[in-house]
Amino acid sequence: MADQDLTEARPARGIEKLWARNKIASLEESRVRGFGTAYVDSQVLDVALAHHLTSRLTSLVAVDVAPGRPVKETLTSAQVPVNLPDGWDADAFLGETPAHDEQHAAAPAPMPAGIQLALLKGPEAAVAPEDSGVVLPQTATSSRRLFALGVLFLVIAAGLMLRKRTASEGTR
């Protein structure tokens, strides 16, 4: 290794962060070697806070102190138009909606036949007045049928296990 002249050394940034990371790692390893948890935690906390590092005990939070709007400016609110998929009717989907500009109210493009069917309403008889607008299909399987099927499979499994056990005992 060549000798280096330290008279030409100059200060550099970042070495203290590297040292602090290694110090925290060393302190964390000392917990395994039997040092007290409270002592190690206090040392890790001190090093991490002094060098603005995250650790097992610390985290960093960014705070934006710049105001988002001038202090004297009043807040305003406005309705933002809702973007629906092409071909959907906002009045049918969301109820009555406020009028939009004519440039945004372009005629919907024709849709493929399969998709049009998905957007059509069902027959009025399918929706009872007490429904809240959601119609679910009544296609559930009977729980009694599933229970009986489960018991049948358990009996078959128990029979196969018993048969295998008696067959293995007979070969001994």
N, C-alpha and C. Protein backbone atom coordinates (compact mmCIF):
# COMPACT_ATOMS: atom_id res chain seq x y z
N MET A 1 0.85 -1.16 0.00
CA MET A 1 0.00 0.00 0.00
C MET A 1 0.90 1.22 0.00
N ALA A 2 0.59 2.15 -0.87
CA ALA A 2 1.42 3.34 -1.01
C ALA A 2 1.14 4.31 0.13
N ASP A 3 2.20 5.00 0.55
CA ASP A 3 2.04 6.02 1.59
C ASP A 3 1.28 7.20 1.01
N GLN A 4 0.37 7.75 1.80
CA GLN A 4 -0.40 8.91 1.35
C GLN A 4 -0.05 10.09 2.23
N ASP A 5 0.04 11.22 1.58
CA ASP A 5 0.38 12.45 2.29
C ASP A 5 -0.90 13.04 2.87
N LEU A 6 -1.03 13.08 4.18
CA LEU A 6 -2.23 13.59 4.82
C LEU A 6 -2.28 15.11 4.85
N THR A 7 -1.20 15.77 4.46
CA THR A 7 -1.23 17.23 4.44
C THR A 7 -2.14 17.73 3.32
N GLU A 8 -2.43 16.86 2.32
CA GLU A 8 -3.31 17.25 1.23
C GLU A 8 -4.77 16.84 1.50
N ALA A 9 -5.04 16.30 2.68
CA ALA A 9 -6.39 15.88 3.00
C ALA A 9 -7.30 17.08 3.13
N ARG A 10 -8.55 16.92 2.76
CA ARG A 10 -9.51 18.02 2.87
C ARG A 10 -10.81 17.45 3.45
N PRO A 11 -11.61 18.30 4.05
CA PRO A 11 -12.87 17.82 4.64
C PRO A 11 -13.83 17.33 3.55
N ALA A 12 -14.58 16.31 3.88
CA ALA A 12 -15.56 15.77 2.94
C ALA A 12 -16.86 15.51 3.70
N ARG A 13 -17.95 15.54 2.98
CA ARG A 13 -19.26 15.29 3.59
C ARG A 13 -19.64 13.82 3.41
N GLY A 14 -20.39 13.29 4.35
CA GLY A 14 -20.93 11.95 4.22
C GLY A 14 -20.25 10.90 5.05
N ILE A 15 -19.02 11.15 5.45
CA ILE A 15 -18.30 10.12 6.20
C ILE A 15 -18.94 9.91 7.58
N GLU A 16 -19.51 11.00 8.15
CA GLU A 16 -20.14 10.86 9.47
C GLU A 16 -21.39 9.99 9.39
N LYS A 17 -22.11 10.04 8.28
CA LYS A 17 -23.30 9.20 8.11
C LYS A 17 -22.89 7.73 8.01
N LEU A 18 -21.81 7.47 7.28
CA LEU A 18 -21.32 6.11 7.15
C LEU A 18 -20.88 5.58 8.51
N TRP A 19 -20.17 6.42 9.27
CA TRP A 19 -19.74 6.02 10.61
C TRP A 19 -20.95 5.73 11.49
N ALA A 20 -21.98 6.60 11.43
CA ALA A 20 -23.15 6.45 12.28
C ALA A 20 -23.93 5.17 11.93
N ARG A 21 -24.04 4.85 10.65
CA ARG A 21 -24.72 3.61 10.25
C ARG A 21 -23.98 2.39 10.80
N ASN A 22 -22.64 2.41 10.68
CA ASN A 22 -21.84 1.30 11.20
C ASN A 22 -21.93 1.23 12.72
N LYS A 23 -21.98 2.37 13.38
CA LYS A 23 -22.09 2.41 14.85
C LYS A 23 -23.43 1.81 15.29
N ILE A 24 -24.51 2.17 14.58
CA ILE A 24 -25.83 1.62 14.92
C ILE A 24 -25.84 0.11 14.70
N ALA A 25 -25.24 -0.36 13.61
CA ALA A 25 -25.17 -1.80 13.35
C ALA A 25 -24.38 -2.50 14.45
N SER A 26 -23.29 -1.89 14.89
CA SER A 26 -22.48 -2.48 15.95
C SER A 26 -23.25 -2.52 17.26
N LEU A 27 -23.99 -1.46 17.56
CA LEU A 27 -24.80 -1.43 18.78
C LEU A 27 -25.89 -2.50 18.74
N GLU A 28 -26.50 -2.67 17.58
CA GLU A 28 -27.54 -3.69 17.45
C GLU A 28 -26.95 -5.09 17.66
N GLU A 29 -25.75 -5.33 17.17
CA GLU A 29 -25.09 -6.62 17.37
C GLU A 29 -24.74 -6.84 18.84
N SER A 30 -24.48 -5.75 19.58
CA SER A 30 -24.10 -5.90 20.98
C SER A 30 -25.27 -6.40 21.82
N ARG A 31 -26.50 -6.28 21.33
CA ARG A 31 -27.64 -6.84 22.05
C ARG A 31 -27.52 -8.36 22.12
N VAL A 32 -26.99 -8.96 21.06
CA VAL A 32 -26.83 -10.41 21.02
C VAL A 32 -25.74 -10.85 22.00
N ARG A 33 -24.77 -9.99 22.19
CA ARG A 33 -23.64 -10.33 23.07
C ARG A 33 -23.94 -10.11 24.54
N GLY A 34 -25.19 -9.73 24.87
CA GLY A 34 -25.57 -9.66 26.27
C GLY A 34 -25.65 -8.27 26.87
N PHE A 35 -25.41 -7.22 26.12
CA PHE A 35 -25.56 -5.88 26.68
C PHE A 35 -27.04 -5.64 26.96
N GLY A 36 -27.33 -4.79 27.93
CA GLY A 36 -28.70 -4.51 28.32
C GLY A 36 -29.48 -3.84 27.19
N THR A 37 -30.72 -4.25 27.02
CA THR A 37 -31.56 -3.72 25.95
C THR A 37 -31.79 -2.23 26.12
N ALA A 38 -32.01 -1.78 27.32
CA ALA A 38 -32.27 -0.36 27.57
C ALA A 38 -31.04 0.48 27.21
N TYR A 39 -29.85 -0.01 27.57
CA TYR A 39 -28.62 0.72 27.25
C TYR A 39 -28.41 0.80 25.74
N VAL A 40 -28.58 -0.34 25.05
CA VAL A 40 -28.38 -0.37 23.60
C VAL A 40 -29.40 0.53 22.92
N ASP A 41 -30.66 0.47 23.35
CA ASP A 41 -31.69 1.30 22.75
C ASP A 41 -31.40 2.78 22.92
N SER A 42 -30.93 3.18 24.08
CA SER A 42 -30.62 4.60 24.30
C SER A 42 -29.44 5.04 23.43
N GLN A 43 -28.44 4.17 23.27
CA GLN A 43 -27.29 4.52 22.43
C GLN A 43 -27.68 4.61 20.95
N VAL A 44 -28.49 3.65 20.49
CA VAL A 44 -28.95 3.67 19.10
C VAL A 44 -29.77 4.92 18.84
N LEU A 45 -30.64 5.26 19.77
CA LEU A 45 -31.49 6.44 19.63
C LEU A 45 -30.65 7.71 19.57
N ASP A 46 -29.65 7.81 20.44
CA ASP A 46 -28.79 8.99 20.45
C ASP A 46 -28.03 9.15 19.13
N VAL A 47 -27.44 8.08 18.63
CA VAL A 47 -26.66 8.14 17.39
C VAL A 47 -27.57 8.46 16.20
N ALA A 48 -28.72 7.80 16.14
CA ALA A 48 -29.63 8.01 15.01
C ALA A 48 -30.16 9.44 14.99
N LEU A 49 -30.53 9.97 16.13
CA LEU A 49 -31.04 11.34 16.17
C LEU A 49 -29.95 12.37 15.88
N ALA A 50 -28.75 12.13 16.39
CA ALA A 50 -27.66 13.09 16.18
C ALA A 50 -27.27 13.17 14.70
N HIS A 51 -27.44 12.06 13.96
CA HIS A 51 -27.00 12.04 12.55
C HIS A 51 -28.17 11.98 11.56
N HIS A 52 -29.39 12.15 12.06
CA HIS A 52 -30.59 12.18 11.22
C HIS A 52 -30.70 10.92 10.36
N LEU A 53 -30.63 9.76 11.03
CA LEU A 53 -30.74 8.47 10.35
C LEU A 53 -31.96 7.71 10.85
N THR A 54 -32.48 6.85 10.00
CA THR A 54 -33.54 5.96 10.46
C THR A 54 -32.91 4.73 11.08
N SER A 55 -33.60 4.18 12.04
CA SER A 55 -33.13 2.97 12.71
C SER A 55 -34.36 2.20 13.18
N ARG A 56 -34.12 1.17 13.97
CA ARG A 56 -35.22 0.40 14.52
C ARG A 56 -36.08 1.26 15.44
N LEU A 57 -35.51 2.30 16.00
CA LEU A 57 -36.22 3.14 16.97
C LEU A 57 -36.60 4.52 16.42
N THR A 58 -36.12 4.87 15.25
CA THR A 58 -36.38 6.21 14.72
C THR A 58 -36.90 6.14 13.29
N SER A 59 -37.58 7.18 12.91
CA SER A 59 -38.02 7.33 11.52
C SER A 59 -37.98 8.82 11.19
N LEU A 60 -37.98 9.11 9.92
CA LEU A 60 -37.93 10.50 9.49
C LEU A 60 -39.28 10.90 8.93
N VAL A 61 -39.68 12.13 9.20
CA VAL A 61 -40.94 12.66 8.69
C VAL A 61 -40.62 13.94 7.94
N ALA A 62 -41.09 14.03 6.71
CA ALA A 62 -40.89 15.23 5.91
C ALA A 62 -42.06 16.18 6.18
N VAL A 63 -41.76 17.42 6.45
CA VAL A 63 -42.78 18.42 6.72
C VAL A 63 -42.61 19.54 5.70
N ASP A 64 -43.67 19.80 4.94
CA ASP A 64 -43.66 20.87 3.96
C ASP A 64 -44.15 22.14 4.65
N VAL A 65 -43.28 23.12 4.80
CA VAL A 65 -43.67 24.35 5.49
C VAL A 65 -44.13 25.43 4.52
N ALA A 66 -44.01 25.18 3.22
CA ALA A 66 -44.47 26.16 2.24
C ALA A 66 -46.00 26.11 2.17
N PRO A 67 -46.68 27.24 2.22
CA PRO A 67 -48.15 27.20 2.15
C PRO A 67 -48.61 26.77 0.77
N GLY A 68 -49.73 26.06 0.72
CA GLY A 68 -50.29 25.59 -0.54
C GLY A 68 -50.99 26.69 -1.31
N ARG A 69 -51.46 27.70 -0.61
CA ARG A 69 -52.11 28.85 -1.23
C ARG A 69 -51.78 30.06 -0.37
N PRO A 70 -51.89 31.25 -0.92
CA PRO A 70 -51.65 32.44 -0.10
C PRO A 70 -52.63 32.50 1.07
N VAL A 71 -52.18 32.98 2.20
CA VAL A 71 -52.97 32.97 3.42
C VAL A 71 -54.26 33.78 3.26
N LYS A 72 -54.22 34.89 2.55
CA LYS A 72 -55.39 35.76 2.44
C LYS A 72 -56.38 35.29 1.38
N GLU A 73 -56.02 34.33 0.54
CA GLU A 73 -56.91 33.84 -0.50
C GLU A 73 -57.97 32.93 0.11
N THR A 74 -59.23 33.14 -0.27
CA THR A 74 -60.31 32.32 0.29
C THR A 74 -60.40 30.99 -0.46
N LEU A 75 -60.94 30.01 0.23
CA LEU A 75 -61.13 28.70 -0.37
C LEU A 75 -62.38 28.72 -1.22
N THR A 76 -62.34 28.03 -2.33
CA THR A 76 -63.51 27.90 -3.19
C THR A 76 -63.74 26.42 -3.46
N SER A 77 -64.98 26.09 -3.82
CA SER A 77 -65.26 24.71 -4.17
C SER A 77 -66.02 24.70 -5.48
N ALA A 78 -65.86 23.63 -6.22
CA ALA A 78 -66.54 23.49 -7.50
C ALA A 78 -66.81 22.02 -7.75
N GLN A 79 -67.89 21.73 -8.46
CA GLN A 79 -68.18 20.35 -8.81
C GLN A 79 -67.33 19.96 -10.00
N VAL A 80 -66.77 18.77 -9.93
CA VAL A 80 -65.93 18.27 -11.00
C VAL A 80 -66.73 17.22 -11.75
N PRO A 81 -66.78 17.29 -13.08
CA PRO A 81 -67.56 16.29 -13.82
C PRO A 81 -66.98 14.89 -13.64
N VAL A 82 -67.87 13.92 -13.60
CA VAL A 82 -67.49 12.53 -13.43
C VAL A 82 -67.25 11.91 -14.80
N ASN A 83 -66.14 11.23 -14.94
CA ASN A 83 -65.83 10.55 -16.20
C ASN A 83 -66.32 9.11 -16.11
N LEU A 84 -67.30 8.79 -16.93
CA LEU A 84 -67.83 7.43 -16.98
C LEU A 84 -67.31 6.74 -18.23
N PRO A 85 -67.33 5.41 -18.25
CA PRO A 85 -66.93 4.69 -19.45
C PRO A 85 -67.81 5.07 -20.63
N ASP A 86 -67.26 4.94 -21.81
CA ASP A 86 -67.96 5.30 -23.04
C ASP A 86 -69.26 4.51 -23.16
N GLY A 87 -70.36 5.21 -23.41
CA GLY A 87 -71.63 4.56 -23.60
C GLY A 87 -72.50 4.51 -22.36
N TRP A 88 -71.98 4.87 -21.22
CA TRP A 88 -72.77 4.85 -19.99
C TRP A 88 -73.54 6.15 -19.89
N ASP A 89 -74.73 6.07 -19.35
CA ASP A 89 -75.58 7.24 -19.17
C ASP A 89 -75.43 7.70 -17.72
N ALA A 90 -74.92 8.91 -17.52
CA ALA A 90 -74.67 9.41 -16.17
C ALA A 90 -75.96 9.56 -15.39
N ASP A 91 -77.05 9.96 -16.03
CA ASP A 91 -78.32 10.12 -15.32
C ASP A 91 -78.84 8.78 -14.81
N ALA A 92 -78.68 7.73 -15.59
CA ALA A 92 -79.14 6.41 -15.17
C ALA A 92 -78.24 5.82 -14.10
N PHE A 93 -76.96 6.14 -14.16
CA PHE A 93 -76.00 5.55 -13.24
C PHE A 93 -75.94 6.30 -11.91
N LEU A 94 -75.92 7.63 -11.96
CA LEU A 94 -75.74 8.43 -10.75
C LEU A 94 -76.98 9.18 -10.32
N GLY A 95 -78.07 9.04 -11.05
CA GLY A 95 -79.23 9.87 -10.78
C GLY A 95 -79.10 11.14 -11.60
N GLU A 96 -79.86 12.13 -11.26
CA GLU A 96 -79.83 13.37 -12.02
C GLU A 96 -78.51 14.08 -11.79
N THR A 97 -77.85 14.51 -12.86
CA THR A 97 -76.57 15.18 -12.77
C THR A 97 -76.70 16.60 -13.29
N PRO A 98 -75.83 17.51 -12.82
CA PRO A 98 -75.89 18.88 -13.32
C PRO A 98 -75.50 18.94 -14.79
N ALA A 99 -75.98 19.98 -15.46
CA ALA A 99 -75.69 20.15 -16.88
C ALA A 99 -74.21 20.42 -17.08
N HIS A 100 -73.64 19.84 -18.13
CA HIS A 100 -72.23 20.03 -18.46
C HIS A 100 -72.12 20.92 -19.67
N ASP A 101 -70.92 21.37 -19.94
CA ASP A 101 -70.67 22.14 -21.15
C ASP A 101 -70.99 21.29 -22.37
N GLU A 102 -71.37 21.92 -23.45
CA GLU A 102 -71.69 21.19 -24.67
C GLU A 102 -70.48 20.46 -25.25
N GLN A 103 -69.28 21.02 -25.06
CA GLN A 103 -68.10 20.36 -25.62
C GLN A 103 -67.82 19.04 -24.92
N HIS A 104 -68.23 18.88 -23.65
CA HIS A 104 -68.01 17.63 -22.93
C HIS A 104 -69.13 16.63 -23.18
N ALA A 105 -70.26 17.07 -23.69
CA ALA A 105 -71.41 16.20 -23.87
C ALA A 105 -71.45 15.65 -25.29
N ALA A 106 -70.40 14.99 -25.72
CA ALA A 106 -70.36 14.41 -27.06
C ALA A 106 -71.23 13.17 -27.09
N ALA A 107 -71.76 12.84 -28.23
CA ALA A 107 -72.60 11.65 -28.36
C ALA A 107 -71.74 10.41 -28.16
N PRO A 108 -72.26 9.42 -27.41
CA PRO A 108 -71.46 8.22 -27.17
C PRO A 108 -71.28 7.41 -28.45
N ALA A 109 -70.15 6.79 -28.55
CA ALA A 109 -69.84 5.95 -29.70
C ALA A 109 -70.66 4.67 -29.60
N PRO A 110 -71.03 4.06 -30.73
CA PRO A 110 -71.78 2.81 -30.66
C PRO A 110 -70.94 1.72 -29.99
N MET A 111 -71.62 0.88 -29.23
CA MET A 111 -70.93 -0.16 -28.49
C MET A 111 -71.22 -1.52 -29.12
N PRO A 112 -70.34 -2.48 -28.93
CA PRO A 112 -70.62 -3.84 -29.41
C PRO A 112 -71.87 -4.40 -28.75
N ALA A 113 -72.56 -5.31 -29.42
CA ALA A 113 -73.85 -5.81 -28.94
C ALA A 113 -73.74 -6.47 -27.57
N GLY A 114 -72.68 -7.22 -27.30
CA GLY A 114 -72.53 -7.90 -26.02
C GLY A 114 -72.45 -6.94 -24.86
N ILE A 115 -71.78 -5.84 -25.05
CA ILE A 115 -71.63 -4.86 -23.98
C ILE A 115 -72.93 -4.10 -23.78
N GLN A 116 -73.66 -3.83 -24.84
CA GLN A 116 -74.93 -3.13 -24.71
C GLN A 116 -75.89 -3.94 -23.84
N LEU A 117 -75.88 -5.26 -23.98
CA LEU A 117 -76.78 -6.08 -23.19
C LEU A 117 -76.44 -5.98 -21.70
N ALA A 118 -75.17 -5.83 -21.37
CA ALA A 118 -74.78 -5.74 -19.97
C ALA A 118 -75.25 -4.44 -19.35
N LEU A 119 -75.46 -3.41 -20.14
CA LEU A 119 -75.87 -2.12 -19.60
C LEU A 119 -77.38 -1.96 -19.55
N LEU A 120 -78.14 -2.85 -20.18
CA LEU A 120 -79.59 -2.75 -20.17
C LEU A 120 -80.14 -3.12 -18.80
N LYS A 121 -81.26 -2.48 -18.42
CA LYS A 121 -81.91 -2.82 -17.16
C LYS A 121 -82.66 -4.12 -17.31
N GLY A 122 -82.82 -4.84 -16.21
CA GLY A 122 -83.58 -6.08 -16.22
C GLY A 122 -85.06 -5.76 -16.25
N PRO A 123 -85.88 -6.77 -16.38
CA PRO A 123 -87.31 -6.54 -16.38
C PRO A 123 -87.76 -5.99 -15.03
N GLU A 124 -88.79 -5.15 -15.06
CA GLU A 124 -89.26 -4.51 -13.84
C GLU A 124 -89.73 -5.53 -12.81
N ALA A 125 -90.24 -6.68 -13.25
CA ALA A 125 -90.73 -7.69 -12.33
C ALA A 125 -89.60 -8.30 -11.52
N ALA A 126 -88.37 -8.19 -11.98
CA ALA A 126 -87.23 -8.78 -11.27
C ALA A 126 -86.84 -7.97 -10.06
N VAL A 127 -87.27 -6.71 -9.98
CA VAL A 127 -86.88 -5.84 -8.88
C VAL A 127 -88.10 -5.56 -8.03
N ALA A 128 -88.07 -6.02 -6.81
CA ALA A 128 -89.18 -5.75 -5.88
C ALA A 128 -89.03 -4.33 -5.33
N PRO A 129 -90.13 -3.67 -4.96
CA PRO A 129 -90.04 -2.29 -4.45
C PRO A 129 -89.18 -2.17 -3.21
N GLU A 130 -89.10 -3.23 -2.40
CA GLU A 130 -88.30 -3.13 -1.17
C GLU A 130 -86.80 -3.29 -1.41
N ASP A 131 -86.42 -3.67 -2.60
CA ASP A 131 -85.00 -3.81 -2.92
C ASP A 131 -84.34 -2.44 -2.93
N SER A 132 -83.08 -2.41 -2.62
CA SER A 132 -82.35 -1.14 -2.60
C SER A 132 -81.64 -0.88 -3.92
N GLY A 133 -82.08 -1.51 -4.98
CA GLY A 133 -81.48 -1.27 -6.27
C GLY A 133 -80.48 -2.33 -6.67
N VAL A 134 -80.12 -3.23 -5.77
CA VAL A 134 -79.16 -4.28 -6.09
C VAL A 134 -79.91 -5.60 -6.20
N VAL A 135 -79.85 -6.21 -7.35
CA VAL A 135 -80.52 -7.48 -7.58
C VAL A 135 -79.45 -8.56 -7.70
N LEU A 136 -79.49 -9.52 -6.78
CA LEU A 136 -78.52 -10.60 -6.79
C LEU A 136 -79.18 -11.87 -7.28
N PRO A 137 -78.48 -12.69 -8.03
CA PRO A 137 -79.08 -13.94 -8.51
C PRO A 137 -79.30 -14.90 -7.35
N GLN A 138 -80.36 -15.67 -7.44
CA GLN A 138 -80.71 -16.63 -6.40
C GLN A 138 -80.24 -18.01 -6.84
N THR A 139 -78.92 -18.24 -6.84
CA THR A 139 -78.36 -19.47 -7.38
C THR A 139 -77.57 -20.26 -6.36
N ALA A 140 -77.79 -20.04 -5.07
CA ALA A 140 -77.01 -20.73 -4.05
C ALA A 140 -77.36 -22.21 -4.02
N THR A 141 -76.39 -23.05 -3.67
CA THR A 141 -76.62 -24.48 -3.52
C THR A 141 -77.17 -24.74 -2.13
N SER A 142 -78.04 -25.70 -2.02
CA SER A 142 -78.65 -26.03 -0.74
C SER A 142 -77.58 -26.44 0.27
N SER A 143 -77.63 -25.86 1.46
CA SER A 143 -76.64 -26.20 2.47
C SER A 143 -76.82 -27.63 2.96
N ARG A 144 -78.07 -28.12 2.95
CA ARG A 144 -78.30 -29.50 3.39
C ARG A 144 -77.66 -30.49 2.41
N ARG A 145 -77.72 -30.18 1.15
CA ARG A 145 -77.12 -31.04 0.14
C ARG A 145 -75.60 -31.07 0.30
N LEU A 146 -75.01 -29.90 0.54
CA LEU A 146 -73.55 -29.84 0.75
C LEU A 146 -73.14 -30.56 2.02
N PHE A 147 -73.94 -30.44 3.08
CA PHE A 147 -73.63 -31.12 4.33
C PHE A 147 -73.66 -32.64 4.13
N ALA A 148 -74.70 -33.13 3.46
CA ALA A 148 -74.81 -34.57 3.22
C ALA A 148 -73.65 -35.06 2.37
N LEU A 149 -73.26 -34.29 1.37
CA LEU A 149 -72.13 -34.66 0.53
C LEU A 149 -70.83 -34.71 1.36
N GLY A 150 -70.64 -33.76 2.26
CA GLY A 150 -69.46 -33.75 3.11
C GLY A 150 -69.40 -34.95 4.02
N VAL A 151 -70.55 -35.32 4.62
CA VAL A 151 -70.60 -36.50 5.49
C VAL A 151 -70.29 -37.76 4.69
N LEU A 152 -70.82 -37.85 3.48
CA LEU A 152 -70.55 -39.00 2.63
C LEU A 152 -69.05 -39.14 2.36
N PHE A 153 -68.40 -38.03 2.02
CA PHE A 153 -66.96 -38.08 1.76
C PHE A 153 -66.17 -38.45 3.01
N LEU A 154 -66.59 -38.00 4.17
CA LEU A 154 -65.91 -38.38 5.42
C LEU A 154 -66.05 -39.87 5.69
N VAL A 155 -67.23 -40.42 5.44
CA VAL A 155 -67.44 -41.86 5.65
C VAL A 155 -66.56 -42.66 4.69
N ILE A 156 -66.50 -42.24 3.42
CA ILE A 156 -65.65 -42.94 2.44
C ILE A 156 -64.19 -42.86 2.86
N ALA A 157 -63.73 -41.68 3.31
CA ALA A 157 -62.33 -41.52 3.72
C ALA A 157 -62.02 -42.39 4.93
N ALA A 158 -62.96 -42.44 5.90
CA ALA A 158 -62.73 -43.27 7.09
C ALA A 158 -62.68 -44.75 6.70
N GLY A 159 -63.56 -45.17 5.78
CA GLY A 159 -63.54 -46.56 5.33
C GLY A 159 -62.24 -46.92 4.64
N LEU A 160 -61.73 -46.02 3.80
CA LEU A 160 -60.46 -46.28 3.12
C LEU A 160 -59.30 -46.34 4.10
N MET A 161 -59.31 -45.46 5.09
CA MET A 161 -58.24 -45.50 6.10
C MET A 161 -58.28 -46.79 6.90
N LEU A 162 -59.49 -47.22 7.29
CA LEU A 162 -59.64 -48.46 8.06
C LEU A 162 -59.20 -49.67 7.23
N ARG A 163 -59.56 -49.69 5.98
CA ARG A 163 -59.17 -50.77 5.08
C ARG A 163 -57.65 -50.84 4.93
N LYS A 164 -57.03 -49.65 4.77
CA LYS A 164 -55.57 -49.61 4.62
C LYS A 164 -54.89 -50.08 5.91
N ARG A 165 -55.43 -49.67 7.06
CA ARG A 165 -54.83 -50.06 8.35
C ARG A 165 -54.94 -51.58 8.55
N THR A 166 -56.10 -52.15 8.26
CA THR A 166 -56.25 -53.60 8.45
C THR A 166 -55.39 -54.37 7.46
N ALA A 167 -55.22 -53.84 6.25
CA ALA A 167 -54.37 -54.50 5.26
C ALA A 167 -52.91 -54.45 5.71
N SER A 168 -52.47 -53.35 6.30
CA SER A 168 -51.06 -53.26 6.73
C SER A 168 -50.83 -54.09 7.97
N GLU A 169 -51.81 -54.25 8.85
CA GLU A 169 -51.65 -55.09 10.03
C GLU A 169 -51.62 -56.58 9.67
N GLY A 170 -52.35 -56.95 8.60
CA GLY A 170 -52.39 -58.34 8.16
C GLY A 170 -51.07 -58.78 7.54
N THR A 171 -50.26 -57.86 7.01
CA THR A 171 -48.99 -58.23 6.37
C THR A 171 -47.86 -58.32 7.36
N ARG A 172 -48.09 -57.96 8.59
CA ARG A 172 -47.00 -57.99 9.57
C ARG A 172 -46.71 -59.34 10.08
